[in-house]
Amino acid sequence: MTPPRVSELLSRTITGEEYHTIKQLWQIYSIAEDRRELDGLISTMTEDCIYKLAQTGKQWHGHEGARQFYTELLTSFPDIHFDLQHIVIGPQGVFEEAGVTATHKGRWMNFEPTDQKIVFRVLILFPWNSSKKTFEGERVWFQL
């Protein structure tokens, strides 16, 4: 999947119907994430979706990669909670800011479990694929 040029992103327009579609799909995603329903969450993503952590460059590809990302995240932080602070919905997708609390119970990437409660901020971009009417994955930035 080749990322679109900025000029292409800025030239996108949005109808009320597409805005509603994007918002509704993000709500389906968010509810599925809260309920730990990976099939529902993954159904909101393109088959070639990419999950990317901005700080490390680590990526997970496709539905199987998304499943691996979430399985590892939810196993390592079984009580993870996202407290949504801001959300922006537009023709390019959804951008959210959230406060996160979680207990670090398992190894995640290169981090050994501490069994301690952590608190951090996260920014997540859900790029929208207007032809497939689904998200192209997540771009995640976090601050511990």
Protein backbone atom coordinates (compact mmCIF):
# COMPACT_ATOMS: atom_id res chain seq x y z
CA MET A 1 0.00 0.00 0.00
CA THR A 2 1.58 3.25 -1.16
CA PRO A 3 0.80 6.22 1.07
CA PRO A 4 -1.03 9.05 -0.70
CA ARG A 5 0.71 12.34 -1.24
CA VAL A 6 -0.20 15.18 1.12
CA SER A 7 -1.79 17.16 -1.71
CA GLU A 8 -4.07 14.19 -2.43
CA LEU A 9 -5.03 13.93 1.24
CA LEU A 10 -5.77 17.65 1.47
CA SER A 11 -7.90 17.59 -1.67
CA ARG A 12 -10.25 14.93 -0.29
CA THR A 13 -13.76 16.10 0.37
CA ILE A 14 -16.31 14.49 2.63
CA THR A 15 -20.03 14.13 2.34
CA GLY A 16 -22.30 13.85 5.34
CA GLU A 17 -22.85 10.22 4.41
CA GLU A 18 -19.11 9.41 4.34
CA TYR A 19 -18.55 11.28 7.61
CA HIS A 20 -21.30 9.15 9.16
CA THR A 21 -19.74 5.97 7.69
CA ILE A 22 -16.28 6.80 9.09
CA LYS A 23 -17.69 7.72 12.51
CA GLN A 24 -19.87 4.61 12.65
CA LEU A 25 -16.99 2.30 11.70
CA TRP A 26 -14.70 3.91 14.29
CA GLN A 27 -17.42 3.36 16.91
CA ILE A 28 -17.65 -0.31 15.90
CA TYR A 29 -13.86 -0.55 16.22
CA SER A 30 -13.85 1.21 19.61
CA ILE A 31 -16.63 -0.93 21.09
CA ALA A 32 -14.94 -4.12 19.84
CA GLU A 33 -11.63 -2.99 21.38
CA ASP A 34 -13.30 -2.30 24.73
CA ARG A 35 -14.95 -5.73 24.64
CA ARG A 36 -11.71 -7.43 23.51
CA GLU A 37 -13.51 -8.76 20.40
CA LEU A 38 -10.63 -9.03 17.94
CA ASP A 39 -12.76 -10.26 15.03
CA GLY A 40 -14.99 -7.19 15.28
CA LEU A 41 -12.02 -4.87 15.60
CA ILE A 42 -10.18 -6.41 12.65
CA SER A 43 -13.32 -6.28 10.50
CA THR A 44 -12.94 -2.48 10.45
CA MET A 45 -9.52 -2.73 8.76
CA THR A 46 -8.43 -3.31 5.17
CA GLU A 47 -6.92 -6.73 4.48
CA ASP A 48 -3.53 -5.07 3.90
CA CYS A 49 -3.72 -2.86 7.00
CA ILE A 50 -0.56 -1.75 8.77
CA TYR A 51 -0.13 -1.18 12.49
CA LYS A 52 2.89 0.99 13.16
CA LEU A 53 4.52 2.30 16.35
CA ALA A 54 6.03 5.65 15.42
CA GLN A 55 8.82 5.67 18.03
CA THR A 56 10.21 2.28 17.10
CA GLY A 57 9.15 1.87 13.48
CA LYS A 58 7.88 -1.62 14.35
CA GLN A 59 5.06 -2.72 12.06
CA TRP A 60 2.46 -5.48 11.88
CA HIS A 61 0.91 -6.24 8.48
CA GLY A 62 -2.51 -7.44 7.41
CA HIS A 63 -5.30 -8.92 9.47
CA GLU A 64 -2.94 -11.52 10.94
CA GLY A 65 -0.53 -8.76 11.97
CA ALA A 66 -3.37 -6.77 13.55
CA ARG A 67 -4.44 -9.87 15.47
CA GLN A 68 -0.85 -10.41 16.66
CA PHE A 69 -0.52 -6.74 17.72
CA TYR A 70 -3.71 -6.83 19.77
CA THR A 71 -3.12 -10.29 21.22
CA GLU A 72 0.30 -9.20 22.48
CA LEU A 73 -1.02 -5.84 23.74
CA LEU A 74 -4.01 -7.31 25.58
CA THR A 75 -1.97 -10.18 27.03
CA SER A 76 0.75 -7.83 28.26
CA PHE A 77 -1.73 -5.25 29.58
CA PRO A 78 -4.92 -7.20 30.36
CA ASP A 79 -6.60 -4.29 32.17
CA ILE A 80 -5.67 -1.61 29.61
CA HIS A 81 -8.12 1.28 29.54
CA PHE A 82 -8.28 4.12 27.02
CA ASP A 83 -9.78 7.39 28.30
CA LEU A 84 -10.61 9.28 25.11
CA GLN A 85 -9.71 12.98 25.33
CA HIS A 86 -10.03 14.25 21.75
CA ILE A 87 -11.24 12.86 18.45
CA VAL A 88 -11.14 14.32 14.94
CA ILE A 89 -13.04 12.72 12.07
CA GLY A 90 -12.47 13.77 8.48
CA PRO A 91 -11.99 12.45 4.96
CA GLN A 92 -8.47 11.27 5.84
CA GLY A 93 -9.71 9.12 8.73
CA VAL A 94 -9.86 9.42 12.50
CA PHE A 95 -7.33 10.92 14.87
CA GLU A 96 -7.67 10.40 18.60
CA GLU A 97 -5.87 11.34 21.79
CA ALA A 98 -6.36 9.24 24.91
CA GLY A 99 -5.02 8.76 28.38
CA VAL A 100 -4.11 5.14 29.02
CA THR A 101 -3.85 3.19 32.25
CA ALA A 102 -2.73 -0.42 32.43
CA THR A 103 -0.87 -2.97 34.53
CA HIS A 104 2.20 -4.40 32.80
CA LYS A 105 1.68 -8.16 33.25
CA GLY A 106 3.54 -9.64 30.29
CA ARG A 107 6.46 -9.02 27.93
CA TRP A 108 5.61 -6.48 25.27
CA MET A 109 8.16 -5.91 22.51
CA ASN A 110 11.45 -5.41 24.37
CA PHE A 111 9.87 -4.51 27.69
CA GLU A 112 9.89 -7.10 30.45
CA PRO A 113 6.79 -7.13 32.67
CA THR A 114 6.97 -4.98 35.78
CA ASP A 115 3.59 -5.90 37.31
CA GLN A 116 3.18 -2.17 37.94
CA LYS A 117 0.45 0.23 36.90
CA ILE A 118 1.51 2.56 34.11
CA VAL A 119 -0.09 5.75 32.86
CA PHE A 120 0.64 7.33 29.48
CA ARG A 121 -0.78 9.38 26.61
CA VAL A 122 -1.41 7.97 23.18
CA LEU A 123 -2.15 9.54 19.80
CA ILE A 124 -3.58 7.25 17.14
CA LEU A 125 -4.28 7.90 13.48
CA PHE A 126 -6.70 5.56 11.70
CA PRO A 127 -6.11 6.30 7.99
CA TRP A 128 -9.31 5.96 5.94
CA ASN A 129 -9.47 4.08 2.66
CA SER A 130 -12.32 5.79 0.85
CA SER A 131 -12.62 3.15 -1.87
CA LYS A 132 -12.70 0.18 0.54
CA LYS A 133 -14.68 2.06 3.23
CA THR A 134 -12.43 0.72 6.00
CA PHE A 135 -9.36 1.84 7.93
CA GLU A 136 -5.85 1.09 6.69
CA GLY A 137 -4.57 0.28 10.18
CA GLU A 138 -3.23 2.43 12.98
CA ARG A 139 -0.27 4.78 13.38
CA VAL A 140 0.45 5.00 17.11
CA TRP A 141 2.49 7.53 19.08
CA PHE A 142 2.78 7.14 22.83
CA GLN A 143 4.46 8.98 25.67
CA LEU A 144 5.26 7.01 28.80
